[in-house]
Amino acid sequence: MILVAAAYHNWGRWVVECPQPRCFNAEQVATAQPSVECRDCGQRCEIVWPSNPARIERVLAARLDAQRRNWYPSETVDDLIAENAAHPEEVR
């Protein structure tokens, strides 16, 4: 059975958490990569991508600290832009 998992942006990289119950691994993935196999449990999953990953990356790239380059599926690009505007000292 093929499971699905949503990609999110964490510390300047795209990541997918393994959807297998009781596996707590996460894998770094390339933009638009269609699937990934968990190195810990071997579960293969299809990746669900946002409709605008390049735009998300552009907005996050303005942040000086890679640890602040985070996006989750519950956020919009407008949310990220507002966060950048609220912390001008942390963006280029």
C-alpha atoms as a PDB file:
ATOM      1  CA  MET A   1       0.000   0.000   0.000  1.00  0.00           C
ATOM      2  CA  ILE A   2       1.314   3.441  -0.944  1.00  0.00           C
ATOM      3  CA  LEU A   3       0.842   6.044   1.765  1.00  0.00           C
ATOM      4  CA  VAL A   4       0.964   9.821   1.280  1.00  0.00           C
ATOM      5  CA  ALA A   5       2.719  12.527   3.258  1.00  0.00           C
ATOM      6  CA  ALA A   6       2.765  16.309   2.946  1.00  0.00           C
ATOM      7  CA  ALA A   7       6.019  18.107   2.246  1.00  0.00           C
ATOM      8  CA  TYR A   8       6.914  21.039   4.490  1.00  0.00           C
ATOM      9  CA  HIS A   9       9.840  23.444   4.622  1.00  0.00           C
ATOM     10  CA  ASN A  10      12.071  23.138   7.688  1.00  0.00           C
ATOM     11  CA  TRP A  11      15.312  25.053   8.265  1.00  0.00           C
ATOM     12  CA  GLY A  12      15.619  25.884   4.578  1.00  0.00           C
ATOM     13  CA  ARG A  13      14.942  22.403   3.190  1.00  0.00           C
ATOM     14  CA  TRP A  14      11.939  20.359   2.090  1.00  0.00           C
ATOM     15  CA  VAL A  15      11.086  17.507   4.456  1.00  0.00           C
ATOM     16  CA  VAL A  16       8.544  14.684   4.599  1.00  0.00           C
ATOM     17  CA  GLU A  17       7.709  12.787   7.781  1.00  0.00           C
ATOM     18  CA  CYS A  18       7.273   9.051   7.404  1.00  0.00           C
ATOM     19  CA  PRO A  19       3.542   8.268   7.514  1.00  0.00           C
ATOM     20  CA  GLN A  20       4.093   4.765   8.892  1.00  0.00           C
ATOM     21  CA  PRO A  21       2.643   4.478  12.419  1.00  0.00           C
ATOM     22  CA  ARG A  22       5.342   4.285  15.102  1.00  0.00           C
ATOM     23  CA  CYS A  23       8.066   5.471  12.712  1.00  0.00           C
ATOM     24  CA  PHE A  24       9.271   8.929  13.646  1.00  0.00           C
ATOM     25  CA  ASN A  25      11.752   9.464  10.821  1.00  0.00           C
ATOM     26  CA  ALA A  26      11.728  12.396   8.426  1.00  0.00           C
ATOM     27  CA  GLU A  27      13.459  12.524   5.054  1.00  0.00           C
ATOM     28  CA  GLN A  28      14.845  15.525   3.223  1.00  0.00           C
ATOM     29  CA  VAL A  29      13.446  15.674  -0.318  1.00  0.00           C
ATOM     30  CA  ALA A  30      14.026  17.667  -3.490  1.00  0.00           C
ATOM     31  CA  THR A  31      11.430  20.128  -4.741  1.00  0.00           C
ATOM     32  CA  ALA A  32       8.659  18.315  -6.644  1.00  0.00           C
ATOM     33  CA  GLN A  33      10.103  14.865  -5.885  1.00  0.00           C
ATOM     34  CA  PRO A  34       7.120  12.537  -6.394  1.00  0.00           C
ATOM     35  CA  SER A  35       7.853   9.946  -3.690  1.00  0.00           C
ATOM     36  CA  VAL A  36      10.331   8.898  -1.032  1.00  0.00           C
ATOM     37  CA  GLU A  37      11.302   5.747   0.825  1.00  0.00           C
ATOM     38  CA  CYS A  38      11.926   5.946   4.576  1.00  0.00           C
ATOM     39  CA  ARG A  39      15.484   4.959   5.439  1.00  0.00           C
ATOM     40  CA  ASP A  40      14.376   3.686   8.847  1.00  0.00           C
ATOM     41  CA  CYS A  41      11.375   1.468   8.100  1.00  0.00           C
ATOM     42  CA  GLY A  42      11.387   1.147   4.303  1.00  0.00           C
ATOM     43  CA  GLN A  43       7.875   2.572   3.860  1.00  0.00           C
ATOM     44  CA  ARG A  44       7.424   4.250   0.477  1.00  0.00           C
ATOM     45  CA  CYS A  45       5.105   7.237   0.274  1.00  0.00           C
ATOM     46  CA  GLU A  46       3.872   9.646  -2.336  1.00  0.00           C
ATOM     47  CA  ILE A  47       4.585  13.285  -1.543  1.00  0.00           C
ATOM     48  CA  VAL A  48       1.845  15.903  -1.525  1.00  0.00           C
ATOM     49  CA  TRP A  49       3.305  19.254  -2.571  1.00  0.00           C
ATOM     50  CA  PRO A  50       1.895  22.747  -2.203  1.00  0.00           C
ATOM     51  CA  SER A  51       0.774  24.318  -5.467  1.00  0.00           C
ATOM     52  CA  ASN A  52       3.471  27.012  -5.200  1.00  0.00           C
ATOM     53  CA  PRO A  53       6.735  25.585  -3.757  1.00  0.00           C
ATOM     54  CA  ALA A  54       8.952  27.981  -5.740  1.00  0.00           C
ATOM     55  CA  ARG A  55       7.112  31.012  -4.356  1.00  0.00           C
ATOM     56  CA  ILE A  56       7.385  29.646  -0.818  1.00  0.00           C
ATOM     57  CA  GLU A  57      11.126  29.162  -1.325  1.00  0.00           C
ATOM     58  CA  ARG A  58      11.536  32.739  -2.636  1.00  0.00           C
ATOM     59  CA  VAL A  59       9.769  34.277   0.361  1.00  0.00           C
ATOM     60  CA  LEU A  60      11.712  32.140   2.823  1.00  0.00           C
ATOM     61  CA  ALA A  61      15.036  32.846   1.089  1.00  0.00           C
ATOM     62  CA  ALA A  62      14.760  36.458   2.277  1.00  0.00           C
ATOM     63  CA  ARG A  63      15.248  35.274   5.859  1.00  0.00           C
ATOM     64  CA  LEU A  64      18.859  35.625   6.999  1.00  0.00           C
ATOM     65  CA  ASP A  65      18.785  32.674   9.413  1.00  0.00           C
ATOM     66  CA  ALA A  66      18.133  29.291   7.781  1.00  0.00           C
ATOM     67  CA  GLN A  67      16.607  28.103  11.059  1.00  0.00           C
ATOM     68  CA  ARG A  68      13.749  30.561  10.413  1.00  0.00           C
ATOM     69  CA  ARG A  69      13.053  29.312   6.884  1.00  0.00           C
ATOM     70  CA  ASN A  70      10.027  27.236   7.838  1.00  0.00           C
ATOM     71  CA  TRP A  71       6.663  26.691   6.164  1.00  0.00           C
ATOM     72  CA  TYR A  72       3.868  24.272   7.045  1.00  0.00           C
ATOM     73  CA  PRO A  73       0.836  23.285   4.940  1.00  0.00           C
ATOM     74  CA  SER A  74      -1.468  25.206   7.278  1.00  0.00           C
ATOM     75  CA  GLU A  75       0.249  28.486   6.254  1.00  0.00           C
ATOM     76  CA  THR A  76      -0.254  30.634   3.179  1.00  0.00           C
ATOM     77  CA  VAL A  77       2.388  32.581   1.296  1.00  0.00           C
ATOM     78  CA  ASP A  78       0.700  35.729   2.615  1.00  0.00           C
ATOM     79  CA  ASP A  79       1.334  34.428   6.156  1.00  0.00           C
ATOM     80  CA  LEU A  80       5.046  34.126   5.344  1.00  0.00           C
ATOM     81  CA  ILE A  81       5.159  37.604   3.828  1.00  0.00           C
ATOM     82  CA  ALA A  82       3.474  39.004   6.951  1.00  0.00           C
ATOM     83  CA  GLU A  83       6.018  37.221   9.173  1.00  0.00           C
ATOM     84  CA  ASN A  84       8.860  38.736   7.141  1.00  0.00           C
ATOM     85  CA  ALA A  85       7.298  42.199   7.445  1.00  0.00           C
ATOM     86  CA  ALA A  86       6.854  41.768  11.206  1.00  0.00           C
ATOM     87  CA  HIS A  87      10.590  41.002  11.591  1.00  0.00           C
ATOM     88  CA  PRO A  88      12.405  43.306   9.131  1.00  0.00           C
ATOM     89  CA  GLU A  89      15.674  42.931  11.043  1.00  0.00           C
ATOM     90  CA  GLU A  90      15.694  39.221  10.071  1.00  0.00           C
ATOM     91  CA  VAL A  91      15.226  39.597   6.312  1.00  0.00           C
ATOM     92  CA  ARG A  92      17.399  40.844   3.457  1.00  0.00           C
END
